N, C-alpha and C. Protein backbone atom coordinates (compact mmCIF):
# COMPACT_ATOMS: atom_id res chain seq x y z
N MET A 1 18.72 -3.48 -10.60
CA MET A 1 16.92 -2.91 -10.85
C MET A 1 16.50 -2.63 -9.95
N THR A 2 15.78 -1.65 -10.33
CA THR A 2 14.43 -0.96 -9.39
C THR A 2 13.86 -1.55 -8.62
N ALA A 3 13.44 -0.98 -7.39
CA ALA A 3 12.81 -1.92 -6.70
C ALA A 3 11.15 -0.83 -7.36
N PRO A 4 10.29 -2.31 -7.75
CA PRO A 4 8.66 -1.76 -8.10
C PRO A 4 8.44 -1.20 -6.77
N GLN A 5 7.19 -0.09 -6.98
CA GLN A 5 6.60 0.07 -5.99
C GLN A 5 5.34 -1.13 -5.77
N ASN A 6 4.13 -1.28 -6.09
CA ASN A 6 3.85 -2.56 -6.32
C ASN A 6 3.59 -3.68 -7.72
N ALA A 7 3.80 -4.39 -7.29
CA ALA A 7 4.14 -5.59 -7.84
C ALA A 7 4.36 -7.01 -7.14
N LEU A 8 4.36 -7.64 -8.02
CA LEU A 8 4.45 -9.31 -7.13
C LEU A 8 5.27 -9.92 -8.27
N SER A 9 6.27 -10.44 -8.25
CA SER A 9 7.98 -10.89 -9.15
C SER A 9 8.00 -12.51 -8.18
N LEU A 10 8.10 -13.33 -9.20
CA LEU A 10 9.06 -14.24 -9.52
C LEU A 10 9.69 -14.84 -9.54
N THR A 11 11.30 -15.34 -9.18
CA THR A 11 12.59 -15.25 -8.37
C THR A 11 12.66 -17.14 -8.59
N ILE A 12 13.71 -17.72 -9.61
CA ILE A 12 13.47 -19.00 -9.41
C ILE A 12 14.78 -19.42 -8.23
N ALA A 13 14.53 -20.51 -7.60
CA ALA A 13 15.50 -20.85 -6.43
C ALA A 13 17.00 -21.47 -7.15
N GLY A 14 17.86 -21.02 -6.84
CA GLY A 14 18.73 -21.49 -6.76
C GLY A 14 19.53 -21.17 -8.28
N THR A 15 20.76 -21.27 -9.07
CA THR A 15 21.06 -20.87 -9.87
C THR A 15 21.22 -22.51 -10.73
N PRO A 16 20.05 -23.01 -11.20
CA PRO A 16 20.12 -23.23 -11.98
C PRO A 16 20.39 -23.14 -14.05
N ASP A 17 20.57 -24.75 -14.19
CA ASP A 17 21.32 -23.51 -15.91
C ASP A 17 20.19 -24.25 -16.88
N PHE A 18 19.55 -23.97 -17.27
CA PHE A 18 18.25 -24.58 -18.16
C PHE A 18 18.76 -24.10 -19.70
N GLY A 19 18.50 -25.33 -20.02
CA GLY A 19 18.77 -26.00 -21.63
C GLY A 19 17.60 -24.89 -22.32
N SER A 20 17.61 -25.28 -23.87
CA SER A 20 17.73 -24.66 -24.19
C SER A 20 16.02 -24.45 -24.57
N VAL A 21 15.46 -25.94 -24.72
CA VAL A 21 13.72 -25.97 -24.75
C VAL A 21 13.15 -25.21 -22.71
N VAL A 22 14.17 -25.79 -22.15
CA VAL A 22 12.81 -24.38 -20.86
C VAL A 22 13.52 -23.22 -21.22
N LEU A 23 14.33 -22.23 -21.12
CA LEU A 23 14.64 -20.58 -21.72
C LEU A 23 13.98 -20.01 -22.72
N GLN A 24 12.73 -21.42 -23.94
CA GLN A 24 12.01 -20.58 -25.07
C GLN A 24 11.04 -20.70 -24.42
N SER A 25 10.75 -21.74 -23.57
CA SER A 25 8.98 -21.50 -22.71
C SER A 25 9.08 -20.52 -21.94
N LEU A 26 10.37 -20.75 -21.65
CA LEU A 26 9.97 -18.77 -20.42
C LEU A 26 10.03 -17.39 -21.26
N TYR A 27 10.59 -17.60 -22.31
CA TYR A 27 10.75 -16.32 -22.63
C TYR A 27 9.38 -16.63 -23.61
N ARG A 28 8.68 -16.94 -23.91
CA ARG A 28 7.27 -17.45 -25.08
C ARG A 28 6.34 -16.91 -23.57
N ILE A 29 6.64 -17.27 -22.93
CA ILE A 29 5.71 -16.57 -21.38
C ILE A 29 6.11 -14.94 -21.08
N THR A 30 7.40 -14.85 -20.53
CA THR A 30 7.52 -13.14 -20.02
C THR A 30 7.95 -12.75 -21.44
N ARG A 31 8.21 -13.16 -22.93
CA ARG A 31 8.70 -11.83 -23.25
C ARG A 31 9.96 -11.14 -22.72
N ARG A 32 11.05 -11.70 -22.26
CA ARG A 32 12.57 -11.66 -22.08
C ARG A 32 13.34 -12.75 -22.83
N SER A 33 14.05 -11.60 -23.23
CA SER A 33 15.07 -12.87 -24.09
C SER A 33 15.99 -14.17 -23.18
N THR A 34 16.15 -14.60 -23.92
CA THR A 34 17.37 -15.75 -23.23
C THR A 34 18.06 -15.01 -22.68
N PRO A 35 19.10 -13.61 -23.09
CA PRO A 35 20.49 -13.58 -22.22
C PRO A 35 19.57 -12.81 -20.80
N GLU A 36 18.68 -11.98 -20.85
CA GLU A 36 17.91 -11.76 -19.64
C GLU A 36 17.34 -13.04 -18.51
N LEU A 37 16.65 -13.92 -19.76
CA LEU A 37 16.66 -14.55 -18.24
C LEU A 37 17.51 -15.35 -17.77
N ARG A 38 18.90 -15.30 -18.29
CA ARG A 38 19.80 -16.05 -18.45
C ARG A 38 20.28 -15.47 -16.61
N ARG A 39 20.33 -13.90 -17.03
CA ARG A 39 21.29 -13.24 -16.17
C ARG A 39 20.62 -13.27 -14.66
N SER A 40 18.71 -12.65 -15.53
CA SER A 40 18.45 -13.10 -14.13
C SER A 40 18.71 -14.02 -13.17
N ILE A 41 18.36 -14.84 -13.77
CA ILE A 41 19.12 -16.48 -13.09
C ILE A 41 20.03 -16.60 -12.59
N ARG A 42 20.96 -16.08 -12.88
CA ARG A 42 22.49 -16.45 -12.12
C ARG A 42 22.13 -15.54 -11.16
N SER A 43 21.59 -14.60 -11.31
CA SER A 43 22.60 -13.40 -10.76
C SER A 43 21.20 -13.45 -8.97
N GLY A 44 20.42 -14.19 -9.49
CA GLY A 44 19.41 -13.73 -7.76
C GLY A 44 17.94 -13.39 -8.12
N GLU A 45 18.30 -12.87 -8.94
CA GLU A 45 16.50 -11.80 -9.46
C GLU A 45 15.55 -12.32 -10.29
N PRO A 46 14.39 -11.88 -10.01
CA PRO A 46 13.14 -11.70 -10.67
C PRO A 46 13.27 -12.11 -12.09
N VAL A 47 12.56 -13.46 -12.55
CA VAL A 47 12.32 -13.71 -13.98
C VAL A 47 11.66 -12.79 -14.72
N TYR A 48 10.54 -12.46 -13.64
CA TYR A 48 9.00 -11.51 -14.30
C TYR A 48 8.53 -11.00 -13.01
N THR A 49 8.08 -9.76 -13.50
CA THR A 49 7.91 -8.65 -11.97
C THR A 49 5.91 -8.06 -13.00
N ALA A 50 5.08 -8.45 -11.92
CA ALA A 50 3.98 -7.83 -13.18
C ALA A 50 3.76 -6.49 -11.96
N THR A 51 3.19 -5.59 -12.75
CA THR A 51 3.15 -4.68 -11.72
C THR A 51 1.43 -4.36 -11.59
N LEU A 52 0.88 -4.21 -10.21
CA LEU A 52 -0.30 -4.61 -10.18
C LEU A 52 -0.75 -2.56 -9.85
N PHE A 53 -2.32 -2.67 -10.24
CA PHE A 53 -3.50 -1.83 -9.69
C PHE A 53 -2.99 -0.44 -11.08
N GLY A 54 -2.14 -0.85 -12.33
CA GLY A 54 -1.86 -0.25 -13.49
C GLY A 54 -2.87 -0.28 -14.33
N ASN A 55 -2.73 0.11 -15.94
CA ASN A 55 -2.73 0.08 -16.53
C ASN A 55 -2.25 -1.36 -17.20
N GLU A 56 -1.18 -1.49 -17.22
CA GLU A 56 -0.65 -3.09 -17.63
C GLU A 56 -0.92 -4.41 -16.87
N HIS A 57 -1.56 -4.32 -15.85
CA HIS A 57 -2.09 -5.17 -14.56
C HIS A 57 -2.90 -5.93 -16.01
N ILE A 58 -3.43 -6.27 -16.50
CA ILE A 58 -4.52 -7.00 -17.61
C ILE A 58 -3.12 -7.87 -18.42
N ASP A 59 -2.02 -7.43 -18.68
CA ASP A 59 -1.17 -7.65 -19.46
C ASP A 59 0.13 -8.67 -19.05
N VAL A 60 0.43 -8.36 -17.48
CA VAL A 60 2.02 -8.21 -16.76
C VAL A 60 0.95 -9.31 -16.28
N VAL A 61 -0.04 -9.53 -15.60
CA VAL A 61 -0.77 -11.31 -14.81
C VAL A 61 -1.01 -12.08 -15.10
N PRO A 62 -1.24 -12.31 -16.20
CA PRO A 62 -1.45 -13.67 -16.85
C PRO A 62 -0.16 -13.68 -17.10
N ARG A 63 1.32 -13.22 -17.09
CA ARG A 63 2.16 -14.17 -17.99
C ARG A 63 2.95 -14.49 -16.29
N LEU A 64 2.74 -13.82 -15.20
CA LEU A 64 3.49 -13.95 -13.92
C LEU A 64 2.47 -15.39 -13.66
N GLU A 65 1.43 -15.56 -13.44
CA GLU A 65 0.16 -16.72 -13.41
C GLU A 65 0.65 -18.19 -14.19
N LYS A 66 1.12 -17.54 -15.79
CA LYS A 66 1.49 -18.06 -16.11
C LYS A 66 3.19 -18.98 -16.21
N THR A 67 4.13 -17.92 -16.08
CA THR A 67 5.13 -18.45 -15.40
C THR A 67 5.06 -18.89 -14.41
N ALA A 68 4.49 -18.96 -12.71
CA ALA A 68 4.40 -19.67 -11.97
C ALA A 68 3.92 -21.17 -12.39
N ALA A 69 2.98 -21.24 -13.17
CA ALA A 69 2.28 -22.72 -13.42
C ALA A 69 2.82 -23.58 -14.08
N TYR A 70 3.82 -22.68 -15.04
CA TYR A 70 5.05 -23.62 -15.74
C TYR A 70 6.06 -24.26 -15.00
N LEU A 71 6.83 -22.73 -14.41
CA LEU A 71 7.76 -23.35 -12.73
C LEU A 71 6.88 -24.89 -12.26
N GLU A 72 5.69 -24.60 -12.11
CA GLU A 72 5.65 -25.69 -10.84
C GLU A 72 5.51 -26.96 -11.61
N GLU A 73 4.61 -26.58 -13.18
CA GLU A 73 4.73 -27.96 -13.70
C GLU A 73 6.54 -29.01 -14.11
N ILE A 74 7.54 -28.50 -14.37
CA ILE A 74 8.37 -28.43 -14.65
C ILE A 74 9.21 -29.59 -13.67
N GLY A 75 8.49 -28.47 -12.01
CA GLY A 75 9.07 -28.74 -11.87
C GLY A 75 10.44 -28.20 -10.75
N VAL A 76 10.40 -26.89 -10.55
CA VAL A 76 11.19 -26.06 -10.75
C VAL A 76 11.20 -24.85 -9.11
N PRO A 77 11.92 -24.91 -8.12
CA PRO A 77 11.29 -24.70 -7.23
C PRO A 77 11.70 -22.77 -7.40
N PHE A 78 10.52 -22.09 -6.77
CA PHE A 78 10.96 -20.35 -7.06
C PHE A 78 10.61 -20.15 -5.97
N VAL A 79 10.70 -18.44 -6.01
CA VAL A 79 10.08 -17.66 -4.39
C VAL A 79 9.13 -16.50 -5.38
N ILE A 80 7.64 -16.61 -4.65
CA ILE A 80 6.74 -15.24 -4.69
C ILE A 80 7.35 -14.49 -3.96
N HIS A 81 7.97 -13.05 -4.20
CA HIS A 81 7.35 -11.56 -2.98
C HIS A 81 6.58 -10.71 -3.88
N GLU A 82 6.04 -9.72 -2.45
CA GLU A 82 5.34 -8.84 -2.94
C GLU A 82 5.76 -7.71 -2.76
N TRP A 83 5.92 -6.70 -3.71
CA TRP A 83 6.82 -5.24 -3.26
C TRP A 83 5.20 -3.99 -2.72
N VAL A 84 5.93 -4.07 -2.25
CA VAL A 84 5.06 -2.53 -1.56
C VAL A 84 5.46 -1.43 -1.07
N ASP A 85 5.89 -0.05 -1.61
CA ASP A 85 6.35 0.90 -1.97
C ASP A 85 7.27 0.48 -1.93
N GLY A 86 8.26 -0.50 -3.02
CA GLY A 86 9.83 -0.08 -2.78
C GLY A 86 10.18 -1.59 -1.80
N GLU A 87 9.15 -1.91 -1.00
CA GLU A 87 9.60 -2.91 0.20
C GLU A 87 9.44 -4.89 -0.33
N ARG A 88 10.40 -5.39 -0.25
CA ARG A 88 9.79 -7.09 -0.93
C ARG A 88 9.41 -7.50 0.52
N GLU A 89 8.62 -8.66 0.55
CA GLU A 89 8.31 -9.88 1.06
C GLU A 89 7.81 -11.21 0.22
N GLU A 90 8.69 -11.84 0.75
CA GLU A 90 8.03 -13.69 0.15
C GLU A 90 7.00 -13.87 0.95
N ILE A 91 6.20 -14.09 -0.22
CA ILE A 91 4.60 -14.57 -0.15
C ILE A 91 4.30 -16.30 -0.69
N SER A 92 3.34 -16.90 -0.55
CA SER A 92 3.22 -17.87 -1.40
C SER A 92 2.11 -18.03 -2.39
N ILE A 93 2.51 -18.41 -3.34
CA ILE A 93 1.74 -19.22 -4.46
C ILE A 93 0.69 -18.78 -3.65
N GLU A 94 -0.64 -19.29 -3.20
CA GLU A 94 -1.55 -19.17 -2.77
C GLU A 94 -2.75 -17.46 -2.40
N LEU A 95 -1.07 -16.68 -2.04
CA LEU A 95 -1.68 -15.13 -1.21
C LEU A 95 -1.08 -14.75 -2.71
N MET A 96 -0.79 -14.89 -3.29
CA MET A 96 0.15 -14.49 -4.79
C MET A 96 -1.33 -13.63 -5.66
N ARG A 97 -2.07 -15.40 -5.38
CA ARG A 97 -3.25 -15.88 -6.47
C ARG A 97 -4.89 -14.89 -5.89
N GLU A 98 -4.90 -14.50 -4.64
CA GLU A 98 -5.67 -14.03 -3.87
C GLU A 98 -5.45 -12.61 -3.81
N ILE A 99 -4.04 -11.84 -3.98
CA ILE A 99 -3.58 -10.88 -4.29
C ILE A 99 -3.94 -10.35 -5.96
N ILE A 100 -3.55 -11.20 -6.74
CA ILE A 100 -3.53 -11.11 -8.19
C ILE A 100 -5.57 -10.40 -8.23
N GLU A 101 -6.37 -11.61 -7.55
CA GLU A 101 -7.82 -12.10 -8.03
C GLU A 101 -8.49 -9.95 -7.12
N SER A 102 -7.65 -9.82 -6.15
CA SER A 102 -8.42 -8.80 -5.33
C SER A 102 -7.91 -7.75 -6.00
N ALA A 103 -6.88 -7.63 -6.86
CA ALA A 103 -6.35 -6.66 -7.83
C ALA A 103 -7.37 -6.34 -9.07
N ASP A 104 -7.70 -7.13 -9.65
CA ASP A 104 -8.61 -7.85 -11.03
C ASP A 104 -9.79 -5.92 -11.36
N GLY A 105 -9.58 -5.82 -12.47
CA GLY A 105 -10.26 -4.57 -12.03
C GLY A 105 -10.16 -3.21 -11.22
N GLN A 106 -8.85 -3.16 -10.79
CA GLN A 106 -8.81 -1.75 -10.16
C GLN A 106 -7.01 -1.10 -11.09
N PHE A 107 -7.71 -0.45 -11.65
CA PHE A 107 -6.24 0.41 -12.51
C PHE A 107 -6.45 1.58 -11.92
N ALA A 108 -5.28 2.25 -12.74
CA ALA A 108 -5.46 2.92 -12.19
C ALA A 108 -5.31 3.92 -13.29
């Protein structure tokens, strides 16, 4: 995976083997195929990455928020990372929400 420059990503903790219901729900939210989702989960890579401050921000950030909400709802642990200039740092979901709120309306 190429490191994003300025983004937030969500990685599922561990390597759970989800059934089709969970994967279908994740597909509907993220628009990533079941094979892509399985590969990401098994390799510990983000299941969803939202680029910030760009033209896609308005489309990708709601998917990130919905992915986090869905995983919280079904009790699946996950990790959020903030990517700044290609470097990543683990952050809390509260900080993720603050970053998203501060980024609203700031497009390239």
